[in-house]
C-alpha cells in the first residue's frame, strides 16, 4: 500500500491515537505499567506514520525514540517477570 492510499486513513488513525493516549494516561494513573507501555507504543507508531506523511521531522524522531523506549520497557517487564 502506498502513502497516498494510507493518507486517506490519516484522520481515523489520529482519532485512534487520541484514544490510545487516553488509555495510556488512565493506565499511568492506575499504576498499570505494562498497559501504559502497550497503549503508548501503538500511539507512537501512529504518530511516526503521520509525521512521515506530513514531513514533520521533530515529531517523527521523538516518537521513534519513545517507541524504542517502549519496546525496551516491554521487553524488560517480561524479562524481569520471567
N, C-alpha and C. Protein backbone atom coordinates (compact mmCIF):
# COMPACT_ATOMS: atom_id res chain seq x y z
N UNK A 1 0.84 -1.18 0.00
CA UNK A 1 0.00 0.00 0.00
C UNK A 1 0.89 1.24 0.00
N UNK A 2 0.53 2.24 -0.77
CA UNK A 2 1.33 3.45 -0.86
C UNK A 2 0.88 4.48 0.16
N UNK A 3 1.74 5.49 0.36
CA UNK A 3 1.39 6.55 1.31
C UNK A 3 0.12 7.28 0.89
N UNK A 4 -0.10 7.43 -0.41
CA UNK A 4 -1.30 8.13 -0.88
C UNK A 4 -2.56 7.38 -0.46
N UNK A 5 -2.53 6.07 -0.59
CA UNK A 5 -3.69 5.27 -0.19
C UNK A 5 -3.88 5.31 1.32
N UNK A 6 -2.78 5.24 2.05
CA UNK A 6 -2.87 5.26 3.51
C UNK A 6 -3.24 6.64 4.05
N UNK A 7 -2.90 7.68 3.32
CA UNK A 7 -3.21 9.02 3.80
C UNK A 7 -4.71 9.26 3.90
N UNK A 8 -5.49 8.49 3.17
CA UNK A 8 -6.94 8.61 3.27
C UNK A 8 -7.43 8.20 4.66
N UNK A 9 -6.63 7.44 5.39
CA UNK A 9 -7.00 6.97 6.72
C UNK A 9 -6.32 7.77 7.83
N UNK A 10 -5.63 8.83 7.47
CA UNK A 10 -4.85 9.58 8.46
C UNK A 10 -5.72 10.12 9.59
N UNK A 11 -6.85 10.70 9.28
CA UNK A 11 -7.71 11.29 10.32
C UNK A 11 -8.22 10.21 11.27
N UNK A 12 -8.60 9.06 10.73
CA UNK A 12 -9.06 7.96 11.58
C UNK A 12 -7.93 7.48 12.49
N UNK A 13 -6.72 7.38 11.94
CA UNK A 13 -5.56 6.97 12.75
C UNK A 13 -5.29 7.96 13.88
N UNK A 14 -5.45 9.24 13.58
CA UNK A 14 -5.23 10.25 14.63
C UNK A 14 -6.25 10.12 15.75
N UNK A 15 -7.50 9.79 15.43
CA UNK A 15 -8.52 9.58 16.47
C UNK A 15 -8.21 8.34 17.29
N UNK A 16 -7.71 7.30 16.63
CA UNK A 16 -7.28 6.09 17.34
C UNK A 16 -6.13 6.44 18.27
N UNK A 17 -5.21 7.28 17.80
CA UNK A 17 -4.08 7.71 18.64
C UNK A 17 -4.58 8.48 19.87
N UNK A 18 -5.59 9.31 19.70
CA UNK A 18 -6.16 10.03 20.85
C UNK A 18 -6.70 9.04 21.87
N UNK A 19 -7.43 8.04 21.40
CA UNK A 19 -7.99 7.02 22.29
C UNK A 19 -6.86 6.25 23.00
N UNK A 20 -5.83 5.88 22.25
CA UNK A 20 -4.69 5.19 22.86
C UNK A 20 -4.00 6.07 23.90
N UNK A 21 -3.87 7.35 23.61
CA UNK A 21 -3.26 8.28 24.56
C UNK A 21 -4.07 8.39 25.84
N UNK A 22 -5.40 8.44 25.71
CA UNK A 22 -6.25 8.48 26.90
C UNK A 22 -6.13 7.19 27.71
N UNK A 23 -6.13 6.06 27.02
CA UNK A 23 -5.98 4.76 27.71
C UNK A 23 -4.63 4.68 28.42
N UNK A 24 -3.59 5.17 27.77
CA UNK A 24 -2.27 5.17 28.36
C UNK A 24 -2.23 6.05 29.61
N UNK A 25 -2.89 7.18 29.55
CA UNK A 25 -2.94 8.09 30.71
C UNK A 25 -3.66 7.44 31.88
N UNK A 26 -4.78 6.79 31.61
CA UNK A 26 -5.51 6.09 32.67
C UNK A 26 -4.63 4.98 33.26
N UNK A 27 -3.92 4.27 32.40
CA UNK A 27 -3.04 3.20 32.88
C UNK A 27 -1.93 3.76 33.77
N UNK A 28 -1.40 4.91 33.41
CA UNK A 28 -0.36 5.54 34.24
C UNK A 28 -0.92 5.93 35.60
N UNK A 29 -2.11 6.54 35.60
CA UNK A 29 -2.74 6.96 36.85
C UNK A 29 -3.05 5.76 37.74
N UNK A 30 -3.44 4.65 37.12
CA UNK A 30 -3.77 3.43 37.87
C UNK A 30 -2.53 2.61 38.23
N UNK A 31 -1.36 3.06 37.79
CA UNK A 31 -0.09 2.38 38.04
C UNK A 31 -0.04 1.01 37.38
N UNK A 32 -0.57 0.94 36.15
CA UNK A 32 -0.51 -0.27 35.35
C UNK A 32 0.60 -0.07 34.32
N UNK A 33 1.83 -0.36 34.72
CA UNK A 33 2.99 -0.06 33.87
C UNK A 33 2.93 -0.73 32.51
N UNK A 34 2.66 -2.03 32.47
CA UNK A 34 2.65 -2.74 31.20
C UNK A 34 1.56 -2.20 30.28
N UNK A 35 0.39 -1.96 30.81
CA UNK A 35 -0.71 -1.43 29.99
C UNK A 35 -0.35 -0.06 29.42
N UNK A 36 0.28 0.77 30.22
CA UNK A 36 0.68 2.09 29.74
C UNK A 36 1.64 1.97 28.56
N UNK A 37 2.59 1.04 28.66
CA UNK A 37 3.55 0.85 27.56
C UNK A 37 2.87 0.24 26.34
N UNK A 38 1.95 -0.70 26.57
CA UNK A 38 1.26 -1.34 25.44
C UNK A 38 0.32 -0.37 24.71
N UNK A 39 -0.24 0.59 25.42
CA UNK A 39 -1.04 1.63 24.76
C UNK A 39 -0.15 2.70 24.14
N UNK A 40 0.97 2.98 24.78
CA UNK A 40 1.86 4.04 24.30
C UNK A 40 2.60 3.69 23.03
N UNK A 41 2.98 2.43 22.87
CA UNK A 41 3.73 2.03 21.68
C UNK A 41 2.94 2.23 20.39
N UNK A 42 1.71 1.73 20.26
CA UNK A 42 0.99 1.99 19.00
C UNK A 42 0.67 3.47 18.81
N UNK A 43 0.49 4.21 19.92
CA UNK A 43 0.29 5.66 19.83
C UNK A 43 1.48 6.29 19.11
N UNK A 44 2.68 5.93 19.54
CA UNK A 44 3.89 6.48 18.91
C UNK A 44 4.03 6.02 17.47
N UNK A 45 3.71 4.77 17.20
CA UNK A 45 3.83 4.27 15.83
C UNK A 45 2.87 5.00 14.88
N UNK A 46 1.68 5.29 15.34
CA UNK A 46 0.74 6.06 14.51
C UNK A 46 1.30 7.44 14.22
N UNK A 47 1.86 8.09 15.24
CA UNK A 47 2.39 9.43 15.02
C UNK A 47 3.65 9.44 14.18
N UNK A 48 4.43 8.35 14.23
CA UNK A 48 5.57 8.24 13.32
C UNK A 48 5.05 8.20 11.88
N UNK A 49 4.04 7.38 11.65
CA UNK A 49 3.47 7.28 10.31
C UNK A 49 2.91 8.62 9.85
N UNK A 50 2.15 9.28 10.71
CA UNK A 50 1.55 10.57 10.32
C UNK A 50 2.62 11.63 10.08
N UNK A 51 3.69 11.59 10.85
CA UNK A 51 4.77 12.56 10.65
C UNK A 51 5.48 12.30 9.33
N UNK A 52 5.65 11.03 8.96
CA UNK A 52 6.27 10.72 7.69
C UNK A 52 5.39 11.20 6.55
N UNK A 53 4.09 11.12 6.75
CA UNK A 53 3.17 11.56 5.72
C UNK A 53 3.26 13.07 5.52
N UNK A 54 3.39 13.80 6.59
CA UNK A 54 3.37 15.27 6.53
C UNK A 54 4.75 15.87 6.66
N UNK A 55 5.77 15.07 6.66
CA UNK A 55 7.17 15.51 6.79
C UNK A 55 7.37 16.47 7.97
N UNK A 56 7.02 15.99 9.16
CA UNK A 56 7.27 16.73 10.39
C UNK A 56 8.41 16.03 11.12
N UNK A 57 9.66 16.40 10.83
CA UNK A 57 10.79 15.64 11.33
C UNK A 57 10.90 15.57 12.85
N UNK A 58 10.59 16.66 13.55
CA UNK A 58 10.71 16.62 15.02
C UNK A 58 9.74 15.60 15.61
N UNK A 59 8.51 15.62 15.16
CA UNK A 59 7.50 14.69 15.66
C UNK A 59 7.89 13.26 15.34
N UNK A 60 8.41 13.05 14.14
CA UNK A 60 8.81 11.72 13.71
C UNK A 60 9.93 11.18 14.61
N UNK A 61 10.97 11.95 14.80
CA UNK A 61 12.14 11.45 15.53
C UNK A 61 11.88 11.28 17.02
N UNK A 62 11.12 12.16 17.63
CA UNK A 62 10.83 11.99 19.06
C UNK A 62 9.98 10.76 19.28
N UNK A 63 9.07 10.46 18.37
CA UNK A 63 8.25 9.26 18.51
C UNK A 63 9.05 7.99 18.20
N UNK A 64 10.06 8.08 17.37
CA UNK A 64 10.95 6.93 17.15
C UNK A 64 11.70 6.62 18.45
N UNK A 65 12.18 7.67 19.12
CA UNK A 65 12.88 7.48 20.40
C UNK A 65 11.92 6.89 21.43
N UNK A 66 10.71 7.44 21.55
CA UNK A 66 9.74 6.91 22.51
C UNK A 66 9.37 5.47 22.19
N UNK A 67 9.23 5.13 20.91
CA UNK A 67 8.90 3.75 20.53
C UNK A 67 10.01 2.80 20.97
N UNK A 68 11.24 3.20 20.76
CA UNK A 68 12.37 2.37 21.19
C UNK A 68 12.35 2.18 22.71
N UNK A 69 12.04 3.23 23.44
CA UNK A 69 11.97 3.13 24.90
C UNK A 69 10.82 2.22 25.34
N UNK A 70 9.68 2.31 24.67
CA UNK A 70 8.55 1.42 24.98
C UNK A 70 8.90 -0.03 24.70
N UNK A 71 9.55 -0.31 23.57
CA UNK A 71 9.95 -1.68 23.26
C UNK A 71 10.92 -2.19 24.32
N UNK A 72 11.87 -1.36 24.71
CA UNK A 72 12.81 -1.72 25.79
C UNK A 72 12.05 -2.00 27.09
N UNK A 73 11.13 -1.12 27.44
CA UNK A 73 10.37 -1.27 28.69
C UNK A 73 9.51 -2.53 28.69
N UNK A 74 8.87 -2.83 27.57
CA UNK A 74 8.04 -4.03 27.48
C UNK A 74 8.92 -5.27 27.59
N UNK A 75 10.04 -5.28 26.86
CA UNK A 75 10.96 -6.42 26.93
C UNK A 75 11.51 -6.59 28.35
N UNK A 76 11.85 -5.49 29.00
CA UNK A 76 12.37 -5.54 30.37
C UNK A 76 11.32 -6.06 31.33
N UNK A 77 10.08 -5.62 31.14
CA UNK A 77 8.98 -6.08 32.01
C UNK A 77 8.86 -7.59 31.95
N UNK A 78 8.86 -8.15 30.73
CA UNK A 78 8.72 -9.59 30.59
C UNK A 78 9.98 -10.34 31.02
N UNK A 79 11.13 -9.75 30.83
CA UNK A 79 12.38 -10.40 31.26
C UNK A 79 12.45 -10.47 32.79
N UNK A 80 12.02 -9.43 33.47
CA UNK A 80 12.09 -9.42 34.93
C UNK A 80 10.99 -10.26 35.58
N UNK A 81 9.87 -10.42 34.87
CA UNK A 81 8.78 -11.20 35.45
C UNK A 81 8.89 -12.69 35.13
N UNK A 82 9.86 -13.03 34.30
CA UNK A 82 10.04 -14.45 33.94
C UNK A 82 10.84 -15.20 34.98
